[in-house]
Amino acid sequence: MKAGREVRKLKAKVVLAGAYAAMTIECARDAIDEADEAILEASRARMDADAPLV
C-alpha cells in the first residue's frame, strides 16, 4: 500500500536525521576541544611572551 510505503520512507528519514544529528554533535564537540586547546596554547604563548628574560 502507498501509505505503508510512505511510513517506511518517513521512518528511514527519521533514522538518517538522527544519525546526522549525532555526527553533527560529535563534530561540534571536536571543534570545542580544538578551541579549548587553542585557548590554552595562546595563554601559554602570552605567558612566555610576558615572562622576563633571565
Foldseek 3Di string as FASTA:
>chain_A
DVVVVVVVVVVVVVVVVVVVVVVVVVVVVVVVVVVVVVVVVVVVVVCVVPDDDD
